[in-house]
């Protein structure tokens, strides 16, 4: 699976040389995960990032013990577990294998040890991780915008924001209004 997970289509490894990819493989734990198995539990401790080598996983936010909201489906070349890898000790979402998967796990501790001797590899990895997180934030902002528009239109509520009284500013500022149904 080295060719699938660590090829040039994997966002986290963009700009990596073949030698750098092989070096990263040395600290990677390969896991076969059967369909339906929980890979990460929201709220549990963790420090690893995962790359999907094969199959698909569902990232979801637990609402209560029997309900959840699907956030995203990830496939080969995509990653999850990034918050804990960056230092947030507890998992922020649950991840479940939708079909038989292979995931590659990279421990933060092992990665930090590697970066001490290979700082350029670390800089490339963190740059790519930042780009991936920025893209996800952009997508989340768009989803929030859609949800607010839906709420405003379906509940006939006033606009979510009104221009502030400070006229003449180069950048518009807004005061948030409470969204309450009529």
C-alpha atoms as a PDB file:
ATOM      1  CA  UNK A   1       0.000   0.000   0.000  1.00  0.00           C
ATOM      2  CA  UNK A   2       2.995   2.339   0.036  1.00  0.00           C
ATOM      3  CA  UNK A   3       2.178   3.374  -3.523  1.00  0.00           C
ATOM      4  CA  UNK A   4      -1.425   4.245  -2.646  1.00  0.00           C
ATOM      5  CA  UNK A   5      -0.961   6.001   0.671  1.00  0.00           C
ATOM      6  CA  UNK A   6       2.361   7.672   0.137  1.00  0.00           C
ATOM      7  CA  UNK A   7       2.139   8.692  -3.486  1.00  0.00           C
ATOM      8  CA  UNK A   8       2.063  12.201  -4.905  1.00  0.00           C
ATOM      9  CA  UNK A   9      -1.743  12.426  -4.573  1.00  0.00           C
ATOM     10  CA  UNK A  10      -1.581  12.364  -0.775  1.00  0.00           C
ATOM     11  CA  UNK A  11      -1.960  15.991   0.299  1.00  0.00           C
ATOM     12  CA  UNK A  12       0.160  15.585   3.440  1.00  0.00           C
ATOM     13  CA  UNK A  13       3.110  14.414   1.363  1.00  0.00           C
ATOM     14  CA  UNK A  14       3.020  17.016  -1.383  1.00  0.00           C
ATOM     15  CA  UNK A  15       6.578  18.058  -2.229  1.00  0.00           C
ATOM     16  CA  UNK A  16       8.152  15.039  -0.499  1.00  0.00           C
ATOM     17  CA  UNK A  17      10.965  13.190  -2.220  1.00  0.00           C
ATOM     18  CA  UNK A  18      10.770   9.419  -2.579  1.00  0.00           C
ATOM     19  CA  UNK A  19      13.445   9.127   0.110  1.00  0.00           C
ATOM     20  CA  UNK A  20      11.430  11.329   2.505  1.00  0.00           C
ATOM     21  CA  UNK A  21       8.315   9.196   1.920  1.00  0.00           C
ATOM     22  CA  UNK A  22      10.320   6.049   2.650  1.00  0.00           C
ATOM     23  CA  UNK A  23      11.711   7.628   5.821  1.00  0.00           C
ATOM     24  CA  UNK A  24       8.178   8.425   6.989  1.00  0.00           C
ATOM     25  CA  UNK A  25       7.136   4.847   6.268  1.00  0.00           C
ATOM     26  CA  UNK A  26       9.677   3.746   8.875  1.00  0.00           C
ATOM     27  CA  UNK A  27       7.623   5.307  11.696  1.00  0.00           C
ATOM     28  CA  UNK A  28       4.218   4.347  10.307  1.00  0.00           C
ATOM     29  CA  UNK A  29       1.989   1.623  11.751  1.00  0.00           C
ATOM     30  CA  UNK A  30      -0.242  -0.057   9.143  1.00  0.00           C
ATOM     31  CA  UNK A  31      -3.688  -1.085  10.413  1.00  0.00           C
ATOM     32  CA  UNK A  32      -6.283  -3.218   8.628  1.00  0.00           C
ATOM     33  CA  UNK A  33      -9.716  -2.090   9.838  1.00  0.00           C
ATOM     34  CA  UNK A  34     -12.888  -4.099   9.089  1.00  0.00           C
ATOM     35  CA  UNK A  35     -16.067  -2.333   7.974  1.00  0.00           C
ATOM     36  CA  UNK A  36     -18.066  -0.931  10.882  1.00  0.00           C
ATOM     37  CA  UNK A  37     -15.159  -0.781  13.331  1.00  0.00           C
ATOM     38  CA  UNK A  38     -14.594   2.445  15.265  1.00  0.00           C
ATOM     39  CA  UNK A  39     -11.056   3.691  14.649  1.00  0.00           C
ATOM     40  CA  UNK A  40     -11.243   6.733  16.962  1.00  0.00           C
ATOM     41  CA  UNK A  41     -13.729   7.546  19.706  1.00  0.00           C
ATOM     42  CA  UNK A  42     -14.659  11.169  20.351  1.00  0.00           C
ATOM     43  CA  UNK A  43     -13.414  12.264  23.775  1.00  0.00           C
ATOM     44  CA  UNK A  44     -10.774   9.528  24.068  1.00  0.00           C
ATOM     45  CA  UNK A  45      -7.065  10.299  24.379  1.00  0.00           C
ATOM     46  CA  UNK A  46      -4.939  10.194  21.245  1.00  0.00           C
ATOM     47  CA  UNK A  47      -1.753  11.565  19.721  1.00  0.00           C
ATOM     48  CA  UNK A  48      -1.649  10.057  16.225  1.00  0.00           C
ATOM     49  CA  UNK A  49      -2.630  11.201  12.768  1.00  0.00           C
ATOM     50  CA  UNK A  50      -4.008   8.691  10.280  1.00  0.00           C
ATOM     51  CA  UNK A  51      -3.793   8.475   6.495  1.00  0.00           C
ATOM     52  CA  UNK A  52      -6.430   6.451   4.669  1.00  0.00           C
ATOM     53  CA  UNK A  53      -4.559   4.050   2.379  1.00  0.00           C
ATOM     54  CA  UNK A  54      -7.614   2.144   1.123  1.00  0.00           C
ATOM     55  CA  UNK A  55     -11.351   2.231   1.728  1.00  0.00           C
ATOM     56  CA  UNK A  56     -13.502   4.952   3.213  1.00  0.00           C
ATOM     57  CA  UNK A  57     -14.075   6.232   6.736  1.00  0.00           C
ATOM     58  CA  UNK A  58     -16.869   8.325   8.209  1.00  0.00           C
ATOM     59  CA  UNK A  59     -15.965  11.240  10.484  1.00  0.00           C
ATOM     60  CA  UNK A  60     -18.850  12.057  12.784  1.00  0.00           C
ATOM     61  CA  UNK A  61     -19.717  14.212  15.782  1.00  0.00           C
ATOM     62  CA  UNK A  62     -21.529  12.462  18.607  1.00  0.00           C
ATOM     63  CA  UNK A  63     -24.670  14.302  19.686  1.00  0.00           C
ATOM     64  CA  UNK A  64     -25.659  11.934  22.480  1.00  0.00           C
ATOM     65  CA  UNK A  65     -25.311   8.217  23.199  1.00  0.00           C
ATOM     66  CA  UNK A  66     -27.491   7.153  20.265  1.00  0.00           C
ATOM     67  CA  UNK A  67     -27.249  10.045  17.767  1.00  0.00           C
ATOM     68  CA  UNK A  68     -24.472  11.542  15.659  1.00  0.00           C
ATOM     69  CA  UNK A  69     -23.970  13.957  12.768  1.00  0.00           C
ATOM     70  CA  UNK A  70     -21.841  12.847   9.832  1.00  0.00           C
ATOM     71  CA  UNK A  71     -19.203  15.499   9.184  1.00  0.00           C
ATOM     72  CA  UNK A  72     -17.337  13.988   6.255  1.00  0.00           C
ATOM     73  CA  UNK A  73     -16.473  10.807   4.395  1.00  0.00           C
ATOM     74  CA  UNK A  74     -12.761  10.419   3.701  1.00  0.00           C
ATOM     75  CA  UNK A  75     -11.090   8.147   1.150  1.00  0.00           C
ATOM     76  CA  UNK A  76      -7.623   7.064   0.057  1.00  0.00           C
ATOM     77  CA  UNK A  77      -5.008   9.803   0.441  1.00  0.00           C
ATOM     78  CA  UNK A  78      -6.977  11.800   3.029  1.00  0.00           C
ATOM     79  CA  UNK A  79      -6.152  12.202   6.726  1.00  0.00           C
ATOM     80  CA  UNK A  80      -7.835  12.384  10.141  1.00  0.00           C
ATOM     81  CA  UNK A  81      -6.752  12.620  13.780  1.00  0.00           C
ATOM     82  CA  UNK A  82      -4.971  15.890  13.100  1.00  0.00           C
ATOM     83  CA  UNK A  83      -6.190  17.761  16.212  1.00  0.00           C
ATOM     84  CA  UNK A  84      -4.718  15.185  18.596  1.00  0.00           C
ATOM     85  CA  UNK A  85      -1.560  14.951  16.506  1.00  0.00           C
ATOM     86  CA  UNK A  86      -1.128  18.710  16.949  1.00  0.00           C
ATOM     87  CA  UNK A  87      -1.551  18.528  20.709  1.00  0.00           C
ATOM     88  CA  UNK A  88      -5.269  18.453  21.546  1.00  0.00           C
ATOM     89  CA  UNK A  89      -5.157  15.432  23.843  1.00  0.00           C
ATOM     90  CA  UNK A  90      -8.709  14.227  23.307  1.00  0.00           C
ATOM     91  CA  UNK A  91     -10.297  13.206  20.026  1.00  0.00           C
ATOM     92  CA  UNK A  92     -12.767  15.769  18.682  1.00  0.00           C
ATOM     93  CA  UNK A  93     -14.762  13.310  16.562  1.00  0.00           C
ATOM     94  CA  UNK A  94     -15.488   9.616  16.114  1.00  0.00           C
ATOM     95  CA  UNK A  95     -14.158   7.883  12.993  1.00  0.00           C
ATOM     96  CA  UNK A  96     -15.699   4.638  11.703  1.00  0.00           C
ATOM     97  CA  UNK A  97     -14.622   2.421   8.800  1.00  0.00           C
ATOM     98  CA  UNK A  98     -17.399   2.400   6.188  1.00  0.00           C
ATOM     99  CA  UNK A  99     -15.846  -0.588   4.432  1.00  0.00           C
ATOM    100  CA  UNK A 100     -12.737  -2.686   4.928  1.00  0.00           C
ATOM    101  CA  UNK A 101      -9.954  -0.117   5.205  1.00  0.00           C
ATOM    102  CA  UNK A 102      -6.262   0.188   5.580  1.00  0.00           C
ATOM    103  CA  UNK A 103      -5.061   3.179   7.560  1.00  0.00           C
ATOM    104  CA  UNK A 104      -1.540   4.331   8.280  1.00  0.00           C
ATOM    105  CA  UNK A 105      -0.981   5.670  11.791  1.00  0.00           C
ATOM    106  CA  UNK A 106       1.788   8.140  12.651  1.00  0.00           C
ATOM    107  CA  UNK A 107       2.449   8.817  16.333  1.00  0.00           C
ATOM    108  CA  UNK A 108       3.198  12.411  17.331  1.00  0.00           C
ATOM    109  CA  UNK A 109       6.058  11.228  19.579  1.00  0.00           C
ATOM    110  CA  UNK A 110       7.730   9.199  16.822  1.00  0.00           C
ATOM    111  CA  UNK A 111       7.200  12.010  14.329  1.00  0.00           C
ATOM    112  CA  UNK A 112       8.783  14.570  16.675  1.00  0.00           C
ATOM    113  CA  UNK A 113      11.790  12.285  17.122  1.00  0.00           C
ATOM    114  CA  UNK A 114      12.113  12.020  13.348  1.00  0.00           C
ATOM    115  CA  UNK A 115      11.798  15.797  12.893  1.00  0.00           C
ATOM    116  CA  UNK A 116      14.713  16.376  15.277  1.00  0.00           C
ATOM    117  CA  UNK A 117      16.984  14.755  12.706  1.00  0.00           C
ATOM    118  CA  UNK A 118      14.969  15.690   9.584  1.00  0.00           C
ATOM    119  CA  UNK A 119      13.649  19.253  10.123  1.00  0.00           C
ATOM    120  CA  UNK A 120      12.915  19.861   6.419  1.00  0.00           C
ATOM    121  CA  UNK A 121      10.682  16.777   6.333  1.00  0.00           C
ATOM    122  CA  UNK A 122       8.828  18.146   9.357  1.00  0.00           C
ATOM    123  CA  UNK A 123       8.450  21.592   7.798  1.00  0.00           C
ATOM    124  CA  UNK A 124       6.968  20.082   4.621  1.00  0.00           C
ATOM    125  CA  UNK A 125       4.587  17.874   6.590  1.00  0.00           C
ATOM    126  CA  UNK A 126       3.347  20.698   8.840  1.00  0.00           C
ATOM    127  CA  UNK A 127       2.984  23.048   5.842  1.00  0.00           C
ATOM    128  CA  UNK A 128       0.816  20.483   4.069  1.00  0.00           C
ATOM    129  CA  UNK A 129      -1.158  19.813   7.249  1.00  0.00           C
ATOM    130  CA  UNK A 130      -1.828  23.561   7.621  1.00  0.00           C
ATOM    131  CA  UNK A 131      -3.037  23.734   4.024  1.00  0.00           C
ATOM    132  CA  UNK A 132      -5.340  20.784   4.585  1.00  0.00           C
ATOM    133  CA  UNK A 133      -6.755  22.298   7.769  1.00  0.00           C
ATOM    134  CA  UNK A 134      -7.262  25.651   6.036  1.00  0.00           C
ATOM    135  CA  UNK A 135      -9.235  23.919   3.266  1.00  0.00           C
ATOM    136  CA  UNK A 136     -11.385  22.167   5.870  1.00  0.00           C
ATOM    137  CA  UNK A 137     -11.994  25.457   7.684  1.00  0.00           C
ATOM    138  CA  UNK A 138     -13.062  27.058   4.407  1.00  0.00           C
ATOM    139  CA  UNK A 139     -15.495  24.164   3.816  1.00  0.00           C
ATOM    140  CA  UNK A 140     -16.832  24.433   7.378  1.00  0.00           C
ATOM    141  CA  UNK A 141     -17.391  28.181   6.944  1.00  0.00           C
ATOM    142  CA  UNK A 142     -19.378  27.502   3.787  1.00  0.00           C
ATOM    143  CA  UNK A 143     -21.475  24.860   5.585  1.00  0.00           C
ATOM    144  CA  UNK A 144     -22.141  27.344   8.394  1.00  0.00           C
ATOM    145  CA  UNK A 145     -23.193  29.984   5.859  1.00  0.00           C
ATOM    146  CA  UNK A 146     -25.609  27.514   4.247  1.00  0.00           C
ATOM    147  CA  UNK A 147     -27.037  26.531   7.642  1.00  0.00           C
ATOM    148  CA  UNK A 148     -27.588  30.167   8.589  1.00  0.00           C
ATOM    149  CA  UNK A 149     -29.274  30.892   5.272  1.00  0.00           C
ATOM    150  CA  UNK A 150     -31.473  27.830   5.679  1.00  0.00           C
ATOM    151  CA  UNK A 151     -32.413  28.909   9.211  1.00  0.00           C
ATOM    152  CA  UNK A 152     -33.199  32.442   8.074  1.00  0.00           C
ATOM    153  CA  UNK A 153     -35.376  31.282   5.176  1.00  0.00           C
ATOM    154  CA  UNK A 154     -37.200  28.381   6.800  1.00  0.00           C
ATOM    155  CA  UNK A 155     -37.887  30.106  10.091  1.00  0.00           C
ATOM    156  CA  UNK A 156     -38.514  33.570   8.649  1.00  0.00           C
ATOM    157  CA  UNK A 157     -36.003  35.212  10.918  1.00  0.00           C
ATOM    158  CA  UNK A 158     -34.333  38.602  10.492  1.00  0.00           C
ATOM    159  CA  UNK A 159     -30.897  38.731   8.837  1.00  0.00           C
ATOM    160  CA  UNK A 160     -28.081  37.270  10.934  1.00  0.00           C
ATOM    161  CA  UNK A 161     -26.123  40.519  11.012  1.00  0.00           C
ATOM    162  CA  UNK A 162     -26.707  44.230  10.609  1.00  0.00           C
ATOM    163  CA  UNK A 163     -24.159  46.894   9.627  1.00  0.00           C
ATOM    164  CA  UNK A 164     -22.647  48.693  12.585  1.00  0.00           C
ATOM    165  CA  UNK A 165     -23.236  52.380  13.191  1.00  0.00           C
ATOM    166  CA  UNK A 166     -19.585  53.148  12.437  1.00  0.00           C
ATOM    167  CA  UNK A 167     -19.931  54.492   8.905  1.00  0.00           C
ATOM    168  CA  UNK A 168     -17.060  55.323   6.620  1.00  0.00           C
ATOM    169  CA  UNK A 169     -14.789  52.462   7.658  1.00  0.00           C
ATOM    170  CA  UNK A 170     -12.796  50.759   4.942  1.00  0.00           C
ATOM    171  CA  UNK A 171     -13.944  47.318   6.127  1.00  0.00           C
ATOM    172  CA  UNK A 172     -17.537  46.731   7.118  1.00  0.00           C
ATOM    173  CA  UNK A 173     -18.152  45.482  10.627  1.00  0.00           C
ATOM    174  CA  UNK A 174     -21.274  43.756  11.797  1.00  0.00           C
ATOM    175  CA  UNK A 175     -23.169  43.225  15.012  1.00  0.00           C
ATOM    176  CA  UNK A 176     -24.692  39.798  15.333  1.00  0.00           C
ATOM    177  CA  UNK A 177     -28.423  39.599  15.913  1.00  0.00           C
ATOM    178  CA  UNK A 178     -29.996  36.738  17.751  1.00  0.00           C
ATOM    179  CA  UNK A 179     -31.731  34.333  15.375  1.00  0.00           C
ATOM    180  CA  UNK A 180     -35.186  33.799  16.868  1.00  0.00           C
ATOM    181  CA  UNK A 181     -38.212  32.456  15.045  1.00  0.00           C
ATOM    182  CA  UNK A 182     -41.199  34.789  14.819  1.00  0.00           C
END
